[in-house]
PDB file of all heavy atoms in Angstrom:
ATOM      1  N   ALA A   1     -20.625  -9.057  -0.630  1.00  0.00           N
ATOM      2  CA  ALA A   1     -20.031 -10.026  -1.554  1.00  0.00           C
ATOM      3  C   ALA A   1     -18.546  -9.786  -1.791  1.00  0.00           C
ATOM      4  O   ALA A   1     -17.929 -10.504  -2.593  1.00  0.00           O
ATOM      5  CB  ALA A   1     -20.766  -9.975  -2.893  1.00  0.00           C
ATOM      6  N   ILE A   2     -17.970  -8.803  -1.126  1.00  0.00           N
ATOM      7  CA  ILE A   2     -16.570  -8.438  -1.383  1.00  0.00           C
ATOM      8  C   ILE A   2     -15.595  -9.599  -1.177  1.00  0.00           C
ATOM      9  O   ILE A   2     -14.693  -9.806  -2.002  1.00  0.00           O
ATOM     10  CB  ILE A   2     -16.179  -7.213  -0.534  1.00  0.00           C
ATOM     11  CG1 ILE A   2     -16.724  -5.946  -1.190  1.00  0.00           C
ATOM     12  CG2 ILE A   2     -14.671  -7.111  -0.369  1.00  0.00           C
ATOM     13  CD1 ILE A   2     -16.450  -4.686  -0.415  1.00  0.00           C
ATOM     14  N   PRO A   3     -15.704 -10.396  -0.085  1.00  0.00           N
ATOM     15  CA  PRO A   3     -14.741 -11.512   0.058  1.00  0.00           C
ATOM     16  C   PRO A   3     -14.750 -12.460  -1.134  1.00  0.00           C
ATOM     17  O   PRO A   3     -13.699 -12.880  -1.618  1.00  0.00           O
ATOM     18  CB  PRO A   3     -15.219 -12.207   1.342  1.00  0.00           C
ATOM     19  CG  PRO A   3     -15.906 -11.141   2.119  1.00  0.00           C
ATOM     20  CD  PRO A   3     -16.577 -10.277   1.094  1.00  0.00           C
ATOM     21  N   GLY A   4     -15.940 -12.810  -1.643  1.00  0.00           N
ATOM     22  CA  GLY A   4     -16.015 -13.694  -2.803  1.00  0.00           C
ATOM     23  C   GLY A   4     -15.469 -13.048  -4.056  1.00  0.00           C
ATOM     24  O   GLY A   4     -14.829 -13.710  -4.879  1.00  0.00           O
ATOM     25  N   ILE A   5     -15.720 -11.751  -4.213  1.00  0.00           N
ATOM     26  CA  ILE A   5     -15.206 -11.038  -5.383  1.00  0.00           C
ATOM     27  C   ILE A   5     -13.687 -10.996  -5.351  1.00  0.00           C
ATOM     28  O   ILE A   5     -13.020 -11.223  -6.378  1.00  0.00           O
ATOM     29  CB  ILE A   5     -15.789  -9.616  -5.440  1.00  0.00           C
ATOM     30  CG1 ILE A   5     -17.306  -9.676  -5.656  1.00  0.00           C
ATOM     31  CG2 ILE A   5     -15.132  -8.793  -6.537  1.00  0.00           C
ATOM     32  CD1 ILE A   5     -17.998  -8.338  -5.546  1.00  0.00           C
ATOM     33  N   LEU A   6     -13.120 -10.724  -4.193  1.00  0.00           N
ATOM     34  CA  LEU A   6     -11.667 -10.669  -4.080  1.00  0.00           C
ATOM     35  C   LEU A   6     -11.037 -12.044  -4.315  1.00  0.00           C
ATOM     36  O   LEU A   6      -9.910 -12.131  -4.807  1.00  0.00           O
ATOM     37  CB  LEU A   6     -11.263 -10.129  -2.708  1.00  0.00           C
ATOM     38  CG  LEU A   6     -11.424  -8.618  -2.522  1.00  0.00           C
ATOM     39  CD1 LEU A   6     -11.011  -8.210  -1.119  1.00  0.00           C
ATOM     40  CD2 LEU A   6     -10.596  -7.848  -3.543  1.00  0.00           C
ATOM     41  N   SER A   7     -11.752 -13.095  -3.953  1.00  0.00           N
ATOM     42  CA  SER A   7     -11.238 -14.441  -4.246  1.00  0.00           C
ATOM     43  C   SER A   7     -11.101 -14.632  -5.749  1.00  0.00           C
ATOM     44  O   SER A   7     -10.111 -15.204  -6.224  1.00  0.00           O
ATOM     45  CB  SER A   7     -12.179 -15.496  -3.661  1.00  0.00           C
ATOM     46  OG  SER A   7     -12.254 -15.389  -2.252  1.00  0.00           O
ATOM     47  N   GLY A   8     -12.092 -14.154  -6.510  1.00  0.00           N
ATOM     48  CA  GLY A   8     -12.000 -14.221  -7.958  1.00  0.00           C
ATOM     49  C   GLY A   8     -10.858 -13.389  -8.506  1.00  0.00           C
ATOM     50  O   GLY A   8     -10.170 -13.799  -9.454  1.00  0.00           O
ATOM     51  N   VAL A   9     -10.651 -12.218  -7.909  1.00  0.00           N
ATOM     52  CA  VAL A   9      -9.546 -11.358  -8.350  1.00  0.00           C
ATOM     53  C   VAL A   9      -8.207 -12.030  -8.071  1.00  0.00           C
ATOM     54  O   VAL A   9      -7.278 -11.954  -8.889  1.00  0.00           O
ATOM     55  CB  VAL A   9      -9.631  -9.987  -7.642  1.00  0.00           C
ATOM     56  CG1 VAL A   9      -8.403  -9.142  -7.965  1.00  0.00           C
ATOM     57  CG2 VAL A   9     -10.900  -9.251  -8.062  1.00  0.00           C
ATOM     58  N   VAL A  10      -8.098 -12.716  -6.933  1.00  0.00           N
ATOM     59  CA  VAL A  10      -6.858 -13.428  -6.610  1.00  0.00           C
ATOM     60  C   VAL A  10      -6.593 -14.533  -7.628  1.00  0.00           C
ATOM     61  O   VAL A  10      -5.465 -14.712  -8.100  1.00  0.00           O
ATOM     62  CB  VAL A  10      -6.931 -14.009  -5.181  1.00  0.00           C
ATOM     63  CG1 VAL A  10      -5.768 -14.955  -4.924  1.00  0.00           C
ATOM     64  CG2 VAL A  10      -6.916 -12.893  -4.155  1.00  0.00           C
ATOM     65  N   LEU A  11      -7.633 -15.296  -7.970  1.00  0.00           N
ATOM     66  CA  LEU A  11      -7.479 -16.349  -8.978  1.00  0.00           C
ATOM     67  C   LEU A  11      -7.075 -15.765 -10.331  1.00  0.00           C
ATOM     68  O   LEU A  11      -6.219 -16.315 -11.037  1.00  0.00           O
ATOM     69  CB  LEU A  11      -8.785 -17.130  -9.111  1.00  0.00           C
ATOM     70  CG  LEU A  11      -9.200 -17.985  -7.915  1.00  0.00           C
ATOM     71  CD1 LEU A  11     -10.580 -18.584  -8.145  1.00  0.00           C
ATOM     72  CD2 LEU A  11      -8.180 -19.086  -7.651  1.00  0.00           C
ATOM     73  N   ALA A  12      -7.692 -14.639 -10.683  1.00  0.00           N
ATOM     74  CA  ALA A  12      -7.346 -13.988 -11.946  1.00  0.00           C
ATOM     75  C   ALA A  12      -5.901 -13.490 -11.928  1.00  0.00           C
ATOM     76  O   ALA A  12      -5.174 -13.612 -12.925  1.00  0.00           O
ATOM     77  CB  ALA A  12      -8.299 -12.827 -12.213  1.00  0.00           C
ATOM     78  N   THR A  13      -5.484 -12.952 -10.796  1.00  0.00           N
ATOM     79  CA  THR A  13      -4.100 -12.478 -10.669  1.00  0.00           C
ATOM     80  C   THR A  13      -3.114 -13.620 -10.823  1.00  0.00           C
ATOM     81  O   THR A  13      -2.080 -13.489 -11.490  1.00  0.00           O
ATOM     82  CB  THR A  13      -3.904 -11.782  -9.317  1.00  0.00           C
ATOM     83  OG1 THR A  13      -4.849 -10.717  -9.175  1.00  0.00           O
ATOM     84  CG2 THR A  13      -2.491 -11.224  -9.195  1.00  0.00           C
ATOM     85  N   GLY A  14      -3.434 -14.755 -10.212  1.00  0.00           N
ATOM     86  CA  GLY A  14      -2.568 -15.918 -10.352  1.00  0.00           C
ATOM     87  C   GLY A  14      -2.442 -16.383 -11.790  1.00  0.00           C
ATOM     88  O   GLY A  14      -1.364 -16.781 -12.235  1.00  0.00           O
ATOM     89  N   ARG A  15      -3.551 -16.291 -12.535  1.00  0.00           N
ATOM     90  CA  ARG A  15      -3.485 -16.686 -13.945  1.00  0.00           C
ATOM     91  C   ARG A  15      -2.663 -15.693 -14.750  1.00  0.00           C
ATOM     92  O   ARG A  15      -1.930 -16.075 -15.660  1.00  0.00           O
ATOM     93  CB  ARG A  15      -4.899 -16.786 -14.519  1.00  0.00           C
ATOM     94  CG  ARG A  15      -4.923 -17.364 -15.924  1.00  0.00           C
ATOM     95  CD  ARG A  15      -6.293 -17.748 -16.395  1.00  0.00           C
ATOM     96  NE  ARG A  15      -6.216 -18.435 -17.681  1.00  0.00           N
ATOM     97  CZ  ARG A  15      -7.264 -18.854 -18.363  1.00  0.00           C
ATOM     98  NH1 ARG A  15      -8.475 -18.668 -17.885  1.00  0.00           N
ATOM     99  NH2 ARG A  15      -7.103 -19.471 -19.518  1.00  0.00           N
ATOM    100  N   ILE A  16      -2.764 -14.423 -14.417  1.00  0.00           N
ATOM    101  CA  ILE A  16      -1.967 -13.413 -15.122  1.00  0.00           C
ATOM    102  C   ILE A  16      -0.479 -13.634 -14.873  1.00  0.00           C
ATOM    103  O   ILE A  16       0.333 -13.665 -15.806  1.00  0.00           O
ATOM    104  CB  ILE A  16      -2.374 -12.000 -14.661  1.00  0.00           C
ATOM    105  CG1 ILE A  16      -3.784 -11.666 -15.137  1.00  0.00           C
ATOM    106  CG2 ILE A  16      -1.390 -10.955 -15.186  1.00  0.00           C
ATOM    107  CD1 ILE A  16      -4.324 -10.381 -14.553  1.00  0.00           C
ATOM    108  N   VAL A  17      -0.130 -13.798 -13.601  1.00  0.00           N
ATOM    109  CA  VAL A  17       1.288 -13.907 -13.235  1.00  0.00           C
ATOM    110  C   VAL A  17       1.916 -15.160 -13.827  1.00  0.00           C
ATOM    111  O   VAL A  17       3.079 -15.156 -14.241  1.00  0.00           O
ATOM    112  CB  VAL A  17       1.423 -13.894 -11.696  1.00  0.00           C
ATOM    113  CG1 VAL A  17       2.858 -14.173 -11.285  1.00  0.00           C
ATOM    114  CG2 VAL A  17       0.973 -12.551 -11.134  1.00  0.00           C
ATOM    115  N   GLY A  18       1.151 -16.250 -13.891  1.00  0.00           N
ATOM    116  CA  GLY A  18       1.715 -17.502 -14.373  1.00  0.00           C
ATOM    117  C   GLY A  18       1.578 -17.744 -15.863  1.00  0.00           C
ATOM    118  O   GLY A  18       1.978 -18.809 -16.351  1.00  0.00           O
ATOM    119  N   GLU A  19       1.034 -16.786 -16.597  1.00  0.00           N
ATOM    120  CA  GLU A  19       0.790 -16.978 -18.021  1.00  0.00           C
ATOM    121  C   GLU A  19       2.066 -16.813 -18.846  1.00  0.00           C
ATOM    122  O   GLU A  19       2.863 -15.905 -18.607  1.00  0.00           O
ATOM    123  CB  GLU A  19      -0.269 -15.993 -18.510  1.00  0.00           C
ATOM    124  CG  GLU A  19      -0.698 -16.198 -19.942  1.00  0.00           C
ATOM    125  CD  GLU A  19      -1.167 -17.614 -20.197  1.00  0.00           C
ATOM    126  OE1 GLU A  19      -1.991 -18.135 -19.411  1.00  0.00           O
ATOM    127  OE2 GLU A  19      -0.686 -18.214 -21.167  1.00  0.00           O
ATOM    128  N   THR A  20       2.245 -17.693 -19.806  1.00  0.00           N
ATOM    129  CA  THR A  20       3.411 -17.606 -20.692  1.00  0.00           C
ATOM    130  C   THR A  20       2.999 -17.636 -22.170  1.00  0.00           C
ATOM    131  O   THR A  20       3.409 -16.788 -22.947  1.00  0.00           O
ATOM    132  CB  THR A  20       4.385 -18.767 -20.428  1.00  0.00           C
ATOM    133  OG1 THR A  20       3.672 -20.016 -20.529  1.00  0.00           O
ATOM    134  CG2 THR A  20       5.009 -18.657 -19.053  1.00  0.00           C
ATOM    135  N   ALA A  21       2.192 -18.638 -22.555  1.00  0.00           N
ATOM    136  CA  ALA A  21       1.881 -18.850 -23.973  1.00  0.00           C
ATOM    137  C   ALA A  21       1.256 -17.618 -24.607  1.00  0.00           C
ATOM    138  O   ALA A  21       1.671 -17.177 -25.689  1.00  0.00           O
ATOM    139  CB  ALA A  21       0.953 -20.058 -24.129  1.00  0.00           C
ATOM    140  N   ALA A  22       0.240 -17.053 -23.947  1.00  0.00           N
ATOM    141  CA  ALA A  22      -0.457 -15.899 -24.528  1.00  0.00           C
ATOM    142  C   ALA A  22       0.460 -14.689 -24.625  1.00  0.00           C
ATOM    143  O   ALA A  22       0.381 -13.913 -25.588  1.00  0.00           O
ATOM    144  CB  ALA A  22      -1.690 -15.564 -23.691  1.00  0.00           C
ATOM    145  N   LEU A  23       1.348 -14.516 -23.652  1.00  0.00           N
ATOM    146  CA  LEU A  23       2.208 -13.329 -23.639  1.00  0.00           C
ATOM    147  C   LEU A  23       3.375 -13.440 -24.608  1.00  0.00           C
ATOM    148  O   LEU A  23       3.868 -12.428 -25.108  1.00  0.00           O
ATOM    149  CB  LEU A  23       2.723 -13.084 -22.217  1.00  0.00           C
ATOM    150  CG  LEU A  23       1.658 -12.664 -21.203  1.00  0.00           C
ATOM    151  CD1 LEU A  23       2.262 -12.526 -19.810  1.00  0.00           C
ATOM    152  CD2 LEU A  23       1.012 -11.355 -21.622  1.00  0.00           C
ATOM    153  N   ILE A  24       3.829 -14.637 -24.889  1.00  0.00           N
ATOM    154  CA  ILE A  24       4.902 -14.794 -25.871  1.00  0.00           C
ATOM    155  C   ILE A  24       4.437 -14.311 -27.238  1.00  0.00           C
ATOM    156  O   ILE A  24       5.190 -13.699 -28.002  1.00  0.00           O
ATOM    157  CB  ILE A  24       5.357 -16.264 -25.934  1.00  0.00           C
ATOM    158  CG1 ILE A  24       6.119 -16.628 -24.656  1.00  0.00           C
ATOM    159  CG2 ILE A  24       6.241 -16.512 -27.160  1.00  0.00           C
ATOM    160  CD1 ILE A  24       6.517 -18.086 -24.583  1.00  0.00           C
ATOM    161  N   TYR A  25       3.168 -14.555 -27.566  1.00  0.00           N
ATOM    162  CA  TYR A  25       2.615 -14.153 -28.860  1.00  0.00           C
ATOM    163  C   TYR A  25       2.216 -12.682 -28.913  1.00  0.00           C
ATOM    164  O   TYR A  25       2.037 -12.126 -29.999  1.00  0.00           O
ATOM    165  CB  TYR A  25       1.392 -14.999 -29.202  1.00  0.00           C
ATOM    166  CG  TYR A  25       1.718 -16.403 -29.634  1.00  0.00           C
ATOM    167  CD1 TYR A  25       1.496 -17.465 -28.785  1.00  0.00           C
ATOM    168  CD2 TYR A  25       2.253 -16.654 -30.891  1.00  0.00           C
ATOM    169  CE1 TYR A  25       1.791 -18.761 -29.181  1.00  0.00           C
ATOM    170  CE2 TYR A  25       2.555 -17.947 -31.294  1.00  0.00           C
ATOM    171  CZ  TYR A  25       2.324 -18.992 -30.427  1.00  0.00           C
ATOM    172  OH  TYR A  25       2.630 -20.275 -30.821  1.00  0.00           O
ATOM    173  N   THR A  26       2.037 -12.044 -27.783  1.00  0.00           N
ATOM    174  CA  THR A  26       1.507 -10.679 -27.775  1.00  0.00           C
ATOM    175  C   THR A  26       2.459  -9.656 -27.168  1.00  0.00           C
ATOM    176  O   THR A  26       2.686  -8.598 -27.751  1.00  0.00           O
ATOM    177  CB  THR A  26       0.169 -10.636 -27.017  1.00  0.00           C
ATOM    178  OG1 THR A  26       0.347 -11.199 -25.703  1.00  0.00           O
ATOM    179  CG2 THR A  26      -0.900 -11.427 -27.750  1.00  0.00           C
ATOM    180  N   ALA A  27       3.012  -9.961 -25.993  1.00  0.00           N
ATOM    181  CA  ALA A  27       3.916  -9.011 -25.340  1.00  0.00           C
ATOM    182  C   ALA A  27       5.361  -9.208 -25.752  1.00  0.00           C
ATOM    183  O   ALA A  27       6.193  -8.315 -25.580  1.00  0.00           O
ATOM    184  CB  ALA A  27       3.793  -9.124 -23.814  1.00  0.00           C
ATOM    185  N   GLY A  28       5.676 -10.387 -26.288  1.00  0.00           N
ATOM    186  CA  GLY A  28       7.042 -10.651 -26.705  1.00  0.00           C
ATOM    187  C   GLY A  28       7.915 -11.122 -25.559  1.00  0.00           C
ATOM    188  O   GLY A  28       7.433 -11.415 -24.457  1.00  0.00           O
ATOM    189  N   SER A  29       9.201 -11.184 -25.788  1.00  0.00           N
ATOM    190  CA  SER A  29      10.140 -11.699 -24.784  1.00  0.00           C
ATOM    191  C   SER A  29      11.395 -10.842 -24.678  1.00  0.00           C
ATOM    192  O   SER A  29      12.462 -11.350 -24.321  1.00  0.00           O
ATOM    193  CB  SER A  29      10.525 -13.142 -25.133  1.00  0.00           C
ATOM    194  OG  SER A  29      11.106 -13.209 -26.424  1.00  0.00           O
ATOM    195  N   VAL A  30      11.267  -9.558 -24.964  1.00  0.00           N
ATOM    196  CA  VAL A  30      12.420  -8.658 -24.842  1.00  0.00           C
ATOM    197  C   VAL A  30      12.751  -8.461 -23.365  1.00  0.00           C
ATOM    198  O   VAL A  30      11.869  -8.141 -22.564  1.00  0.00           O
ATOM    199  CB  VAL A  30      12.128  -7.303 -25.506  1.00  0.00           C
ATOM    200  CG1 VAL A  30      13.302  -6.354 -25.322  1.00  0.00           C
ATOM    201  CG2 VAL A  30      11.832  -7.503 -26.980  1.00  0.00           C
ATOM    202  N   ALA A  31      14.010  -8.642 -22.996  1.00  0.00           N
ATOM    203  CA  ALA A  31      14.419  -8.611 -21.592  1.00  0.00           C
ATOM    204  C   ALA A  31      14.796  -7.193 -21.160  1.00  0.00           C
ATOM    205  O   ALA A  31      15.934  -6.910 -20.799  1.00  0.00           O
ATOM    206  CB  ALA A  31      15.586  -9.562 -21.370  1.00  0.00           C
ATOM    207  N   LYS A  32      13.823  -6.295 -21.225  1.00  0.00           N
ATOM    208  CA  LYS A  32      14.043  -4.942 -20.726  1.00  0.00           C
ATOM    209  C   LYS A  32      12.699  -4.306 -20.415  1.00  0.00           C
ATOM    210  O   LYS A  32      11.646  -4.809 -20.814  1.00  0.00           O
ATOM    211  CB  LYS A  32      14.787  -4.096 -21.754  1.00  0.00           C
ATOM    212  CG  LYS A  32      13.981  -3.784 -23.002  1.00  0.00           C
ATOM    213  CD  LYS A  32      14.737  -2.829 -23.927  1.00  0.00           C
ATOM    214  CE  LYS A  32      13.877  -2.443 -25.129  1.00  0.00           C
ATOM    215  NZ  LYS A  32      14.580  -1.487 -26.015  1.00  0.00           N
ATOM    216  N   VAL A  33      12.748  -3.198 -19.694  1.00  0.00           N
ATOM    217  CA  VAL A  33      11.532  -2.452 -19.390  1.00  0.00           C
ATOM    218  C   VAL A  33      11.291  -1.467 -20.529  1.00  0.00           C
ATOM    219  O   VAL A  33      12.121  -0.588 -20.775  1.00  0.00           O
ATOM    220  CB  VAL A  33      11.650  -1.706 -18.053  1.00  0.00           C
ATOM    221  CG1 VAL A  33      10.360  -0.946 -17.745  1.00  0.00           C
ATOM    222  CG2 VAL A  33      11.963  -2.673 -16.922  1.00  0.00           C
ATOM    223  N   PRO A  34      10.177  -1.593 -21.250  1.00  0.00           N
ATOM    224  CA  PRO A  34       9.942  -0.689 -22.388  1.00  0.00           C
ATOM    225  C   PRO A  34       9.675   0.733 -21.925  1.00  0.00           C
ATOM    226  O   PRO A  34       9.269   0.973 -20.783  1.00  0.00           O
ATOM    227  CB  PRO A  34       8.709  -1.305 -23.068  1.00  0.00           C
ATOM    228  CG  PRO A  34       8.009  -2.049 -21.986  1.00  0.00           C
ATOM    229  CD  PRO A  34       9.085  -2.570 -21.084  1.00  0.00           C
ATOM    230  N   GLU A  35       9.897   1.669 -22.823  1.00  0.00           N
ATOM    231  CA  GLU A  35       9.685   3.072 -22.492  1.00  0.00           C
ATOM    232  C   GLU A  35       8.204   3.437 -22.420  1.00  0.00           C
ATOM    233  O   GLU A  35       7.844   4.445 -21.820  1.00  0.00           O
ATOM    234  CB  GLU A  35      10.383   3.955 -23.528  1.00  0.00           C
ATOM    235  CG  GLU A  35      11.897   3.778 -23.550  1.00  0.00           C
ATOM    236  CD  GLU A  35      12.564   4.663 -24.594  1.00  0.00           C
ATOM    237  OE1 GLU A  35      11.820   5.341 -25.346  1.00  0.00           O
ATOM    238  OE2 GLU A  35      13.810   4.662 -24.660  1.00  0.00           O
ATOM    239  N   SER A  36       7.352   2.654 -23.056  1.00  0.00           N
ATOM    240  CA  SER A  36       5.911   2.901 -23.025  1.00  0.00           C
ATOM    241  C   SER A  36       5.179   1.568 -23.101  1.00  0.00           C
ATOM    242  O   SER A  36       5.799   0.508 -23.259  1.00  0.00           O
ATOM    243  CB  SER A  36       5.483   3.803 -24.190  1.00  0.00           C
ATOM    244  OG  SER A  36       5.640   3.129 -25.429  1.00  0.00           O
ATOM    245  N   LEU A  37       3.856   1.636 -23.010  1.00  0.00           N
ATOM    246  CA  LEU A  37       3.048   0.425 -23.090  1.00  0.00           C
ATOM    247  C   LEU A  37       3.081  -0.191 -24.484  1.00  0.00           C
ATOM    248  O   LEU A  37       2.676  -1.348 -24.656  1.00  0.00           O
ATOM    249  CB  LEU A  37       1.593   0.731 -22.698  1.00  0.00           C
ATOM    250  CG  LEU A  37       1.354   1.129 -21.251  1.00  0.00           C
ATOM    251  CD1 LEU A  37      -0.110   1.475 -21.020  1.00  0.00           C
ATOM    252  CD2 LEU A  37       1.799   0.016 -20.303  1.00  0.00           C
TER     253      LEU A  37
END
């Protein structure tokens, strides 16, 4: 089932990379690399 599982992971990755609304409220919008998580 690995090919199908990886397809789901790819779709999930695309949603992570393209997400804005959820991250503006949680991760913020500071334009720098933070020192920690």
